[in-house]
Amino acid sequence: MGAVRKNLLATALIFGTLIAAPALAGEPDWNAVNNMDRAAFVNKFGGIFEKSPWVAEKAWEARPFTSADDLHAKMVAVVKFANIDQELALLRAHPDLAGKEAQAGAMTTSSVAEQASAGLNALSKEEMERLGAYNAEYKKKFGFPFMIAVRNHTKEGIFALFKQRLSNDTVTEFGNALQQVYNITRLRLDKLLSES
């Protein structure tokens, strides 16, 4: 529940009245979301997890949703209870940072905007070479691309974390990668809901 809604409810309780807290801008009509058929739900939320609409399709079964937190938690639960092959496929669906997909213009709209937010679309030749080397080393060691919620980091911070995380073991890094996917998808969900 948002802070404004909590404050409204707290104020109402203090004064001994209960008022209906209005939906805030950017907050969807959860009744409408809960009444969507599977196809409409997947059409709206299927892009939250990179090229993995199966997450939204399975999360639809966990209705009703009461908030963005609830919807995201139920989508994350789908991934957490998926088998290792599905989790690995989800990670592999993500593009390398400023990699071949970016250079070829083949990334999803969300990935393009996210990478641009950290300046990864305007790297120097030296930075591109270093990032390319990090991408190759990471994928060779772990078998999936480096995951980071780039909107939460500067370009310099991304480079530093990339180098640091290369020293992790596979189990640790698999967990880190999934956690970063959860961070990325929460940002994507919030953006989608604010635009709706």
N, C-alpha and C. Protein backbone atom coordinates (compact mmCIF):
# COMPACT_ATOMS: atom_id res chain seq x y z
N MET A 1 0.85 -1.17 0.00
CA MET A 1 0.00 0.00 0.00
C MET A 1 0.90 1.23 0.00
N GLY A 2 0.56 2.22 -0.82
CA GLY A 2 1.37 3.41 -0.91
C GLY A 2 1.31 4.25 0.36
N ALA A 3 2.32 5.10 0.55
CA ALA A 3 2.42 5.94 1.74
C ALA A 3 1.22 6.88 1.85
N VAL A 4 0.78 7.42 0.72
CA VAL A 4 -0.35 8.36 0.75
C VAL A 4 -1.61 7.64 1.23
N ARG A 5 -1.83 6.43 0.72
CA ARG A 5 -3.01 5.66 1.14
C ARG A 5 -2.93 5.33 2.62
N LYS A 6 -1.75 4.94 3.10
CA LYS A 6 -1.57 4.63 4.52
C LYS A 6 -1.88 5.86 5.37
N ASN A 7 -1.40 7.03 4.93
CA ASN A 7 -1.66 8.26 5.67
C ASN A 7 -3.15 8.59 5.68
N LEU A 8 -3.83 8.39 4.54
CA LEU A 8 -5.27 8.63 4.49
C LEU A 8 -6.01 7.73 5.47
N LEU A 9 -5.64 6.45 5.47
CA LEU A 9 -6.32 5.51 6.36
C LEU A 9 -6.00 5.82 7.83
N ALA A 10 -4.76 6.17 8.12
CA ALA A 10 -4.38 6.51 9.50
C ALA A 10 -5.15 7.73 9.97
N THR A 11 -5.27 8.74 9.12
CA THR A 11 -6.02 9.96 9.46
C THR A 11 -7.48 9.62 9.72
N ALA A 12 -8.05 8.78 8.87
CA ALA A 12 -9.45 8.39 9.04
C ALA A 12 -9.66 7.66 10.36
N LEU A 13 -8.74 6.80 10.73
CA LEU A 13 -8.87 6.07 11.98
C LEU A 13 -8.74 7.00 13.19
N ILE A 14 -7.84 7.97 13.10
CA ILE A 14 -7.66 8.93 14.19
C ILE A 14 -8.94 9.71 14.44
N PHE A 15 -9.61 10.12 13.36
CA PHE A 15 -10.83 10.92 13.50
C PHE A 15 -12.08 10.06 13.62
N GLY A 16 -11.90 8.75 13.71
CA GLY A 16 -13.04 7.86 13.94
C GLY A 16 -13.92 7.65 12.74
N THR A 17 -13.44 7.94 11.57
CA THR A 17 -14.23 7.70 10.37
C THR A 17 -13.42 6.83 9.43
N LEU A 18 -14.10 6.10 8.63
CA LEU A 18 -13.42 5.30 7.63
C LEU A 18 -13.85 5.80 6.26
N ILE A 19 -12.88 6.23 5.50
CA ILE A 19 -13.17 6.72 4.15
C ILE A 19 -12.55 5.75 3.16
N ALA A 20 -13.11 5.71 2.00
CA ALA A 20 -12.53 4.88 0.96
C ALA A 20 -11.32 5.61 0.40
N ALA A 21 -10.19 4.95 0.42
CA ALA A 21 -8.98 5.56 -0.14
C ALA A 21 -9.05 5.45 -1.65
N PRO A 22 -8.93 6.58 -2.34
CA PRO A 22 -9.04 6.55 -3.80
C PRO A 22 -7.81 5.89 -4.42
N ALA A 23 -8.00 5.35 -5.60
CA ALA A 23 -6.86 4.82 -6.35
C ALA A 23 -5.96 5.98 -6.73
N LEU A 24 -4.68 5.79 -6.58
CA LEU A 24 -3.73 6.84 -6.90
C LEU A 24 -3.38 6.80 -8.37
N ALA A 25 -2.92 7.92 -8.91
CA ALA A 25 -2.51 7.97 -10.30
C ALA A 25 -1.45 6.90 -10.52
N GLY A 26 -1.58 6.16 -11.60
CA GLY A 26 -0.62 5.13 -11.91
C GLY A 26 -0.98 3.78 -11.30
N GLU A 27 -1.93 3.77 -10.40
CA GLU A 27 -2.36 2.51 -9.79
C GLU A 27 -3.52 1.97 -10.61
N PRO A 28 -3.44 0.74 -11.05
CA PRO A 28 -4.51 0.21 -11.90
C PRO A 28 -5.75 -0.13 -11.11
N ASP A 29 -6.81 -0.35 -11.82
CA ASP A 29 -8.03 -0.86 -11.23
C ASP A 29 -7.80 -2.36 -11.05
N TRP A 30 -7.53 -2.77 -9.82
CA TRP A 30 -7.18 -4.18 -9.59
C TRP A 30 -8.33 -5.11 -9.91
N ASN A 31 -9.56 -4.64 -9.78
CA ASN A 31 -10.69 -5.49 -10.18
C ASN A 31 -10.63 -5.78 -11.67
N ALA A 32 -10.29 -4.76 -12.46
CA ALA A 32 -10.18 -4.96 -13.91
C ALA A 32 -9.03 -5.91 -14.24
N VAL A 33 -7.91 -5.73 -13.56
CA VAL A 33 -6.77 -6.63 -13.78
C VAL A 33 -7.15 -8.06 -13.43
N ASN A 34 -7.80 -8.24 -12.29
CA ASN A 34 -8.18 -9.58 -11.84
C ASN A 34 -9.23 -10.23 -12.73
N ASN A 35 -10.00 -9.41 -13.44
CA ASN A 35 -11.03 -9.94 -14.34
C ASN A 35 -10.53 -10.17 -15.76
N MET A 36 -9.27 -9.85 -16.03
CA MET A 36 -8.72 -10.11 -17.37
C MET A 36 -8.68 -11.61 -17.62
N ASP A 37 -8.98 -12.00 -18.86
CA ASP A 37 -8.74 -13.41 -19.18
C ASP A 37 -7.23 -13.60 -19.35
N ARG A 38 -6.81 -14.83 -19.43
CA ARG A 38 -5.38 -15.15 -19.47
C ARG A 38 -4.68 -14.43 -20.63
N ALA A 39 -5.29 -14.44 -21.80
CA ALA A 39 -4.65 -13.83 -22.98
C ALA A 39 -4.46 -12.33 -22.79
N ALA A 40 -5.46 -11.65 -22.26
CA ALA A 40 -5.35 -10.20 -22.04
C ALA A 40 -4.30 -9.89 -20.98
N PHE A 41 -4.26 -10.70 -19.94
CA PHE A 41 -3.28 -10.51 -18.87
C PHE A 41 -1.86 -10.69 -19.42
N VAL A 42 -1.65 -11.75 -20.18
CA VAL A 42 -0.32 -12.01 -20.75
C VAL A 42 0.04 -10.92 -21.75
N ASN A 43 -0.94 -10.43 -22.51
CA ASN A 43 -0.69 -9.34 -23.44
C ASN A 43 -0.20 -8.09 -22.71
N LYS A 44 -0.79 -7.81 -21.55
CA LYS A 44 -0.42 -6.62 -20.78
C LYS A 44 0.87 -6.81 -19.99
N PHE A 45 1.05 -7.95 -19.34
CA PHE A 45 2.16 -8.14 -18.41
C PHE A 45 3.23 -9.14 -18.89
N GLY A 46 3.04 -9.72 -20.05
CA GLY A 46 3.96 -10.74 -20.55
C GLY A 46 5.36 -10.25 -20.86
N GLY A 47 5.54 -8.95 -21.05
CA GLY A 47 6.86 -8.41 -21.36
C GLY A 47 7.65 -7.98 -20.14
N ILE A 48 7.10 -8.12 -18.96
CA ILE A 48 7.80 -7.70 -17.74
C ILE A 48 9.08 -8.53 -17.57
N PHE A 49 8.98 -9.83 -17.73
CA PHE A 49 10.15 -10.70 -17.69
C PHE A 49 10.62 -10.90 -19.13
N GLU A 50 11.84 -10.51 -19.40
CA GLU A 50 12.43 -10.48 -20.74
C GLU A 50 12.13 -11.73 -21.57
N LYS A 51 11.36 -11.55 -22.63
CA LYS A 51 11.07 -12.62 -23.60
C LYS A 51 10.60 -13.89 -22.90
N SER A 52 9.88 -13.74 -21.81
CA SER A 52 9.43 -14.88 -21.00
C SER A 52 7.97 -14.71 -20.57
N PRO A 53 7.04 -14.68 -21.54
CA PRO A 53 5.63 -14.49 -21.18
C PRO A 53 5.07 -15.62 -20.32
N TRP A 54 5.77 -16.74 -20.25
CA TRP A 54 5.31 -17.86 -19.42
C TRP A 54 5.18 -17.46 -17.96
N VAL A 55 5.96 -16.48 -17.53
CA VAL A 55 5.88 -16.04 -16.13
C VAL A 55 4.52 -15.40 -15.87
N ALA A 56 4.11 -14.49 -16.75
CA ALA A 56 2.79 -13.84 -16.59
C ALA A 56 1.67 -14.86 -16.76
N GLU A 57 1.85 -15.76 -17.69
CA GLU A 57 0.81 -16.77 -17.93
C GLU A 57 0.56 -17.60 -16.67
N LYS A 58 1.63 -18.02 -16.02
CA LYS A 58 1.50 -18.82 -14.79
C LYS A 58 1.03 -17.95 -13.62
N ALA A 59 1.50 -16.70 -13.54
CA ALA A 59 1.10 -15.81 -12.44
C ALA A 59 -0.39 -15.50 -12.49
N TRP A 60 -0.98 -15.49 -13.68
CA TRP A 60 -2.42 -15.23 -13.84
C TRP A 60 -3.23 -16.17 -12.96
N GLU A 61 -2.73 -17.39 -12.77
CA GLU A 61 -3.44 -18.38 -11.96
C GLU A 61 -3.46 -18.01 -10.48
N ALA A 62 -2.60 -17.07 -10.06
CA ALA A 62 -2.49 -16.70 -8.65
C ALA A 62 -3.40 -15.52 -8.29
N ARG A 63 -4.31 -15.13 -9.20
CA ARG A 63 -5.22 -14.04 -8.88
C ARG A 63 -6.04 -14.38 -7.64
N PRO A 64 -6.49 -13.42 -6.89
CA PRO A 64 -6.50 -11.98 -7.19
C PRO A 64 -5.21 -11.29 -6.76
N PHE A 65 -4.94 -10.18 -7.44
CA PHE A 65 -3.83 -9.31 -7.10
C PHE A 65 -4.40 -8.09 -6.40
N THR A 66 -3.70 -7.62 -5.37
CA THR A 66 -4.23 -6.49 -4.60
C THR A 66 -3.39 -5.23 -4.74
N SER A 67 -2.18 -5.38 -5.30
CA SER A 67 -1.27 -4.24 -5.42
C SER A 67 -0.14 -4.61 -6.38
N ALA A 68 0.66 -3.63 -6.73
CA ALA A 68 1.84 -3.90 -7.55
C ALA A 68 2.79 -4.83 -6.80
N ASP A 69 2.93 -4.61 -5.50
CA ASP A 69 3.79 -5.49 -4.69
C ASP A 69 3.31 -6.94 -4.78
N ASP A 70 2.01 -7.13 -4.65
CA ASP A 70 1.43 -8.46 -4.69
C ASP A 70 1.61 -9.10 -6.06
N LEU A 71 1.32 -8.37 -7.11
CA LEU A 71 1.48 -8.89 -8.46
C LEU A 71 2.94 -9.28 -8.72
N HIS A 72 3.86 -8.39 -8.36
CA HIS A 72 5.27 -8.70 -8.59
C HIS A 72 5.71 -9.91 -7.77
N ALA A 73 5.29 -9.98 -6.52
CA ALA A 73 5.67 -11.11 -5.66
C ALA A 73 5.16 -12.43 -6.25
N LYS A 74 3.98 -12.41 -6.80
CA LYS A 74 3.43 -13.63 -7.39
C LYS A 74 4.15 -14.00 -8.68
N MET A 75 4.59 -13.00 -9.44
CA MET A 75 5.38 -13.29 -10.65
C MET A 75 6.75 -13.84 -10.25
N VAL A 76 7.35 -13.26 -9.25
CA VAL A 76 8.65 -13.74 -8.77
C VAL A 76 8.52 -15.18 -8.25
N ALA A 77 7.42 -15.47 -7.56
CA ALA A 77 7.21 -16.82 -7.05
C ALA A 77 7.14 -17.84 -8.19
N VAL A 78 6.56 -17.45 -9.31
CA VAL A 78 6.53 -18.34 -10.48
C VAL A 78 7.95 -18.73 -10.86
N VAL A 79 8.84 -17.74 -10.91
CA VAL A 79 10.24 -18.03 -11.29
C VAL A 79 10.93 -18.85 -10.22
N LYS A 80 10.72 -18.50 -8.96
CA LYS A 80 11.39 -19.22 -7.87
C LYS A 80 10.98 -20.70 -7.82
N PHE A 81 9.76 -21.00 -8.23
CA PHE A 81 9.29 -22.38 -8.20
C PHE A 81 9.40 -23.06 -9.56
N ALA A 82 9.98 -22.37 -10.53
CA ALA A 82 10.23 -22.98 -11.84
C ALA A 82 11.41 -23.93 -11.72
N ASN A 83 11.54 -24.79 -12.70
CA ASN A 83 12.70 -25.69 -12.67
C ASN A 83 13.95 -24.94 -13.14
N ILE A 84 15.08 -25.52 -12.90
CA ILE A 84 16.36 -24.88 -13.19
C ILE A 84 16.50 -24.54 -14.67
N ASP A 85 15.97 -25.39 -15.55
CA ASP A 85 16.05 -25.12 -16.98
C ASP A 85 15.25 -23.87 -17.36
N GLN A 86 14.09 -23.70 -16.75
CA GLN A 86 13.28 -22.50 -17.01
C GLN A 86 13.97 -21.25 -16.49
N GLU A 87 14.56 -21.34 -15.30
CA GLU A 87 15.28 -20.19 -14.74
C GLU A 87 16.48 -19.83 -15.61
N LEU A 88 17.18 -20.83 -16.06
CA LEU A 88 18.34 -20.59 -16.92
C LEU A 88 17.91 -19.99 -18.26
N ALA A 89 16.82 -20.48 -18.83
CA ALA A 89 16.29 -19.92 -20.08
C ALA A 89 15.89 -18.46 -19.87
N LEU A 90 15.30 -18.15 -18.72
CA LEU A 90 14.93 -16.77 -18.41
C LEU A 90 16.17 -15.88 -18.39
N LEU A 91 17.22 -16.33 -17.72
CA LEU A 91 18.46 -15.54 -17.68
C LEU A 91 19.04 -15.37 -19.08
N ARG A 92 19.05 -16.45 -19.84
CA ARG A 92 19.62 -16.40 -21.19
C ARG A 92 18.80 -15.58 -22.17
N ALA A 93 17.56 -15.27 -21.82
CA ALA A 93 16.72 -14.43 -22.69
C ALA A 93 17.16 -12.96 -22.66
N HIS A 94 17.96 -12.60 -21.66
CA HIS A 94 18.42 -11.22 -21.53
C HIS A 94 19.62 -10.97 -22.43
N PRO A 95 19.72 -9.75 -22.95
CA PRO A 95 20.86 -9.42 -23.82
C PRO A 95 22.11 -9.10 -22.99
N ASP A 96 23.27 -9.24 -23.62
CA ASP A 96 24.51 -8.76 -23.00
C ASP A 96 24.44 -7.25 -22.87
N LEU A 97 25.13 -6.71 -21.90
CA LEU A 97 25.20 -5.25 -21.77
C LEU A 97 25.98 -4.69 -22.96
N ALA A 98 25.33 -3.80 -23.71
CA ALA A 98 25.94 -3.16 -24.88
C ALA A 98 26.56 -4.19 -25.82
N GLY A 99 25.91 -5.35 -25.94
CA GLY A 99 26.44 -6.44 -26.74
C GLY A 99 25.93 -6.43 -28.17
N LYS A 100 25.99 -7.59 -28.80
CA LYS A 100 25.61 -7.73 -30.21
C LYS A 100 24.17 -7.32 -30.47
N GLU A 101 23.27 -7.69 -29.55
CA GLU A 101 21.86 -7.33 -29.73
C GLU A 101 21.68 -5.82 -29.75
N ALA A 102 22.40 -5.13 -28.86
CA ALA A 102 22.32 -3.67 -28.80
C ALA A 102 22.85 -3.06 -30.09
N GLN A 103 23.98 -3.57 -30.56
CA GLN A 103 24.60 -3.03 -31.76
C GLN A 103 23.76 -3.31 -33.01
N ALA A 104 23.01 -4.42 -32.99
CA ALA A 104 22.17 -4.78 -34.13
C ALA A 104 20.76 -4.20 -34.02
N GLY A 105 20.45 -3.52 -32.91
CA GLY A 105 19.11 -2.97 -32.72
C GLY A 105 18.08 -4.06 -32.48
N ALA A 106 18.49 -5.18 -31.89
CA ALA A 106 17.60 -6.33 -31.71
C ALA A 106 17.12 -6.53 -30.28
N MET A 107 17.32 -5.55 -29.41
CA MET A 107 16.87 -5.68 -28.02
C MET A 107 15.41 -5.25 -27.89
N THR A 108 14.78 -5.69 -26.80
CA THR A 108 13.43 -5.23 -26.52
C THR A 108 13.47 -3.74 -26.18
N THR A 109 12.35 -3.08 -26.33
CA THR A 109 12.25 -1.66 -26.01
C THR A 109 12.68 -1.38 -24.57
N SER A 110 12.27 -2.26 -23.66
CA SER A 110 12.64 -2.08 -22.25
C SER A 110 14.15 -2.14 -22.06
N SER A 111 14.80 -3.11 -22.68
CA SER A 111 16.25 -3.24 -22.53
C SER A 111 16.99 -2.06 -23.13
N VAL A 112 16.51 -1.56 -24.25
CA VAL A 112 17.15 -0.39 -24.88
C VAL A 112 17.10 0.80 -23.93
N ALA A 113 15.92 1.07 -23.37
CA ALA A 113 15.76 2.21 -22.47
C ALA A 113 16.58 2.03 -21.20
N GLU A 114 16.60 0.82 -20.67
CA GLU A 114 17.35 0.56 -19.44
C GLU A 114 18.85 0.77 -19.65
N GLN A 115 19.38 0.22 -20.72
CA GLN A 115 20.82 0.35 -20.96
C GLN A 115 21.19 1.81 -21.27
N ALA A 116 20.32 2.50 -21.97
CA ALA A 116 20.59 3.92 -22.26
C ALA A 116 20.58 4.75 -20.98
N SER A 117 19.76 4.36 -20.00
CA SER A 117 19.67 5.13 -18.76
C SER A 117 20.99 5.18 -18.01
N ALA A 118 21.85 4.19 -18.24
CA ALA A 118 23.16 4.16 -17.58
C ALA A 118 24.28 4.58 -18.54
N GLY A 119 23.91 5.06 -19.71
CA GLY A 119 24.92 5.52 -20.66
C GLY A 119 25.61 4.41 -21.42
N LEU A 120 25.04 3.20 -21.42
CA LEU A 120 25.67 2.09 -22.11
C LEU A 120 25.49 2.16 -23.62
N ASN A 121 24.68 3.10 -24.07
CA ASN A 121 24.50 3.31 -25.50
C ASN A 121 25.51 4.32 -26.05
N ALA A 122 26.36 4.87 -25.19
CA ALA A 122 27.32 5.90 -25.61
C ALA A 122 28.70 5.63 -25.00
N LEU A 123 29.15 4.39 -25.13
CA LEU A 123 30.44 4.00 -24.58
C LEU A 123 31.58 4.39 -25.53
N SER A 124 32.74 4.66 -24.96
CA SER A 124 33.93 4.89 -25.77
C SER A 124 34.37 3.54 -26.35
N LYS A 125 35.27 3.58 -27.31
CA LYS A 125 35.78 2.35 -27.91
C LYS A 125 36.44 1.47 -26.85
N GLU A 126 37.20 2.09 -25.95
CA GLU A 126 37.86 1.34 -24.87
C GLU A 126 36.84 0.69 -23.94
N GLU A 127 35.79 1.43 -23.59
CA GLU A 127 34.75 0.89 -22.71
C GLU A 127 34.02 -0.26 -23.40
N MET A 128 33.74 -0.13 -24.70
CA MET A 128 33.08 -1.20 -25.45
C MET A 128 33.93 -2.47 -25.44
N GLU A 129 35.23 -2.30 -25.63
CA GLU A 129 36.13 -3.45 -25.64
C GLU A 129 36.18 -4.11 -24.26
N ARG A 130 36.26 -3.31 -23.22
CA ARG A 130 36.30 -3.85 -21.85
C ARG A 130 35.00 -4.56 -21.51
N LEU A 131 33.88 -3.94 -21.87
CA LEU A 131 32.58 -4.56 -21.60
C LEU A 131 32.43 -5.84 -22.41
N GLY A 132 32.89 -5.83 -23.65
CA GLY A 132 32.84 -7.04 -24.48
C GLY A 132 33.65 -8.17 -23.87
N ALA A 133 34.82 -7.84 -23.33
CA ALA A 133 35.66 -8.85 -22.67
C ALA A 133 34.98 -9.37 -21.41
N TYR A 134 34.39 -8.47 -20.62
CA TYR A 134 33.68 -8.89 -19.41
C TYR A 134 32.50 -9.80 -19.78
N ASN A 135 31.72 -9.40 -20.81
CA ASN A 135 30.57 -10.21 -21.24
C ASN A 135 31.02 -11.62 -21.62
N ALA A 136 32.09 -11.71 -22.42
CA ALA A 136 32.57 -13.01 -22.89
C ALA A 136 33.06 -13.87 -21.72
N GLU A 137 33.84 -13.27 -20.83
CA GLU A 137 34.38 -14.01 -19.69
C GLU A 137 33.25 -14.49 -18.77
N TYR A 138 32.28 -13.61 -18.53
CA TYR A 138 31.16 -13.94 -17.64
C TYR A 138 30.34 -15.10 -18.23
N LYS A 139 29.98 -14.99 -19.51
CA LYS A 139 29.15 -16.04 -20.12
C LYS A 139 29.90 -17.37 -20.19
N LYS A 140 31.20 -17.31 -20.43
CA LYS A 140 32.00 -18.54 -20.47
C LYS A 140 32.02 -19.21 -19.10
N LYS A 141 32.17 -18.40 -18.06
CA LYS A 141 32.26 -18.94 -16.70
C LYS A 141 30.91 -19.42 -16.17
N PHE A 142 29.83 -18.63 -16.42
CA PHE A 142 28.55 -18.93 -15.78
C PHE A 142 27.49 -19.50 -16.71
N GLY A 143 27.60 -19.28 -18.01
CA GLY A 143 26.63 -19.83 -18.95
C GLY A 143 25.40 -18.99 -19.19
N PHE A 144 25.39 -17.78 -18.72
CA PHE A 144 24.28 -16.85 -18.94
C PHE A 144 24.85 -15.44 -18.88
N PRO A 145 24.10 -14.45 -19.41
CA PRO A 145 24.61 -13.07 -19.41
C PRO A 145 24.61 -12.44 -18.02
N PHE A 146 25.46 -11.45 -17.85
CA PHE A 146 25.53 -10.66 -16.62
C PHE A 146 24.23 -9.90 -16.45
N MET A 147 23.64 -10.01 -15.28
CA MET A 147 22.39 -9.32 -14.97
C MET A 147 22.64 -8.21 -13.97
N ILE A 148 22.11 -7.04 -14.29
CA ILE A 148 22.16 -5.93 -13.33
C ILE A 148 21.02 -4.98 -13.66
N ALA A 149 20.37 -4.48 -12.64
CA ALA A 149 19.31 -3.49 -12.83
C ALA A 149 20.00 -2.15 -13.13
N VAL A 150 20.29 -1.92 -14.40
CA VAL A 150 21.13 -0.78 -14.77
C VAL A 150 20.54 0.56 -14.34
N ARG A 151 19.23 0.65 -14.23
CA ARG A 151 18.61 1.91 -13.81
C ARG A 151 19.03 2.31 -12.39
N ASN A 152 19.52 1.36 -11.62
CA ASN A 152 19.94 1.63 -10.24
C ASN A 152 21.43 1.92 -10.12
N HIS A 153 22.15 2.00 -11.25
CA HIS A 153 23.60 2.13 -11.21
C HIS A 153 24.12 3.13 -12.24
N THR A 154 25.29 3.64 -11.96
CA THR A 154 26.00 4.45 -12.95
C THR A 154 26.81 3.52 -13.84
N LYS A 155 27.29 4.04 -14.93
CA LYS A 155 28.14 3.25 -15.82
C LYS A 155 29.37 2.75 -15.06
N GLU A 156 29.99 3.62 -14.28
CA GLU A 156 31.17 3.24 -13.51
C GLU A 156 30.85 2.15 -12.49
N GLY A 157 29.70 2.28 -11.84
CA GLY A 157 29.28 1.27 -10.88
C GLY A 157 29.04 -0.08 -11.53
N ILE A 158 28.49 -0.06 -12.73
CA ILE A 158 28.24 -1.30 -13.46
C ILE A 158 29.56 -2.00 -13.78
N PHE A 159 30.53 -1.23 -14.26
CA PHE A 159 31.84 -1.82 -14.57
C PHE A 159 32.48 -2.42 -13.31
N ALA A 160 32.39 -1.72 -12.20
CA ALA A 160 32.99 -2.20 -10.96
C ALA A 160 32.31 -3.48 -10.48
N LEU A 161 30.98 -3.51 -10.51
CA LEU A 161 30.25 -4.71 -10.08
C LEU A 161 30.49 -5.88 -11.02
N PHE A 162 30.59 -5.58 -12.31
CA PHE A 162 30.86 -6.63 -13.29
C PHE A 162 32.17 -7.32 -12.92
N LYS A 163 33.20 -6.54 -12.72
CA LYS A 163 34.52 -7.09 -12.40
C LYS A 163 34.47 -7.87 -11.08
N GLN A 164 33.81 -7.31 -10.08
CA GLN A 164 33.70 -7.96 -8.77
C GLN A 164 32.96 -9.29 -8.85
N ARG A 165 31.84 -9.30 -9.56
CA ARG A 165 31.02 -10.50 -9.60
C ARG A 165 31.63 -11.61 -10.44
N LEU A 166 32.59 -11.28 -11.30
CA LEU A 166 33.29 -12.32 -12.05
C LEU A 166 34.06 -13.27 -11.14
N SER A 167 34.36 -12.84 -9.93
CA SER A 167 35.09 -13.70 -8.99
C SER A 167 34.18 -14.63 -8.19
N ASN A 168 32.87 -14.50 -8.34
CA ASN A 168 31.93 -15.35 -7.61
C ASN A 168 31.93 -16.78 -8.15
N ASP A 169 31.41 -17.70 -7.32
CA ASP A 169 31.17 -19.06 -7.80
C ASP A 169 29.82 -19.07 -8.52
N THR A 170 29.56 -20.15 -9.24
CA THR A 170 28.36 -20.23 -10.08
C THR A 170 27.07 -20.18 -9.27
N VAL A 171 27.02 -20.86 -8.14
CA VAL A 171 25.79 -20.87 -7.33
C VAL A 171 25.48 -19.45 -6.83
N THR A 172 26.50 -18.76 -6.33
CA THR A 172 26.30 -17.39 -5.84
C THR A 172 25.84 -16.49 -6.98
N GLU A 173 26.49 -16.63 -8.12
CA GLU A 173 26.17 -15.74 -9.23
C GLU A 173 24.81 -16.04 -9.84
N PHE A 174 24.40 -17.29 -9.83
CA PHE A 174 23.07 -17.64 -10.31
C PHE A 174 22.02 -16.94 -9.44
N GLY A 175 22.23 -16.97 -8.13
CA GLY A 175 21.32 -16.26 -7.21
C GLY A 175 21.36 -14.76 -7.43
N ASN A 176 22.56 -14.20 -7.60
CA ASN A 176 22.68 -12.76 -7.87
C ASN A 176 21.94 -12.38 -9.15
N ALA A 177 22.11 -13.20 -10.19
CA ALA A 177 21.48 -12.90 -11.47
C ALA A 177 19.96 -12.90 -11.34
N LEU A 178 19.42 -13.90 -10.67
CA LEU A 178 17.96 -13.94 -10.49
C LEU A 178 17.47 -12.75 -9.67
N GLN A 179 18.20 -12.39 -8.62
CA GLN A 179 17.80 -11.23 -7.82
C GLN A 179 17.80 -9.97 -8.66
N GLN A 180 18.79 -9.83 -9.53
CA GLN A 180 18.83 -8.66 -10.41
C GLN A 180 17.64 -8.67 -11.38
N VAL A 181 17.26 -9.85 -11.85
CA VAL A 181 16.08 -9.95 -12.71
C VAL A 181 14.84 -9.48 -11.94
N TYR A 182 14.74 -9.87 -10.68
CA TYR A 182 13.59 -9.43 -9.87
C TYR A 182 13.61 -7.90 -9.71
N ASN A 183 14.78 -7.33 -9.53
CA ASN A 183 14.88 -5.87 -9.43
C ASN A 183 14.49 -5.21 -10.75
N ILE A 184 14.99 -5.74 -11.85
CA ILE A 184 14.68 -5.20 -13.19
C ILE A 184 13.18 -5.26 -13.44
N THR A 185 12.58 -6.41 -13.13
CA THR A 185 11.17 -6.59 -13.43
C THR A 185 10.28 -5.72 -12.55
N ARG A 186 10.72 -5.45 -11.33
CA ARG A 186 9.92 -4.54 -10.50
C ARG A 186 9.92 -3.14 -11.09
N LEU A 187 11.08 -2.71 -11.57
CA LEU A 187 11.16 -1.40 -12.21
C LEU A 187 10.30 -1.37 -13.48
N ARG A 188 10.33 -2.44 -14.23
CA ARG A 188 9.52 -2.51 -15.45
C ARG A 188 8.03 -2.48 -15.12
N LEU A 189 7.63 -3.23 -14.10
CA LEU A 189 6.22 -3.26 -13.71
C LEU A 189 5.76 -1.88 -13.26
N ASP A 190 6.56 -1.21 -12.44
CA ASP A 190 6.20 0.13 -11.99
C ASP A 190 6.06 1.09 -13.16
N LYS A 191 6.95 0.98 -14.13
CA LYS A 191 6.89 1.85 -15.32
C LYS A 191 5.63 1.56 -16.12
N LEU A 192 5.33 0.29 -16.33
CA LEU A 192 4.14 -0.09 -17.07
C LEU A 192 2.87 0.42 -16.38
N LEU A 193 2.80 0.25 -15.08
CA LEU A 193 1.61 0.70 -14.34
C LEU A 193 1.47 2.21 -14.33
N SER A 194 2.60 2.92 -14.30
CA SER A 194 2.52 4.38 -14.29
C SER A 194 2.10 4.93 -15.66
N GLU A 195 2.31 4.14 -16.71
CA GLU A 195 1.94 4.57 -18.05
C GLU A 195 0.52 4.16 -18.42
N SER A 196 -0.08 3.28 -17.62
CA SER A 196 -1.41 2.76 -17.93
C SER A 196 -2.51 3.73 -17.57
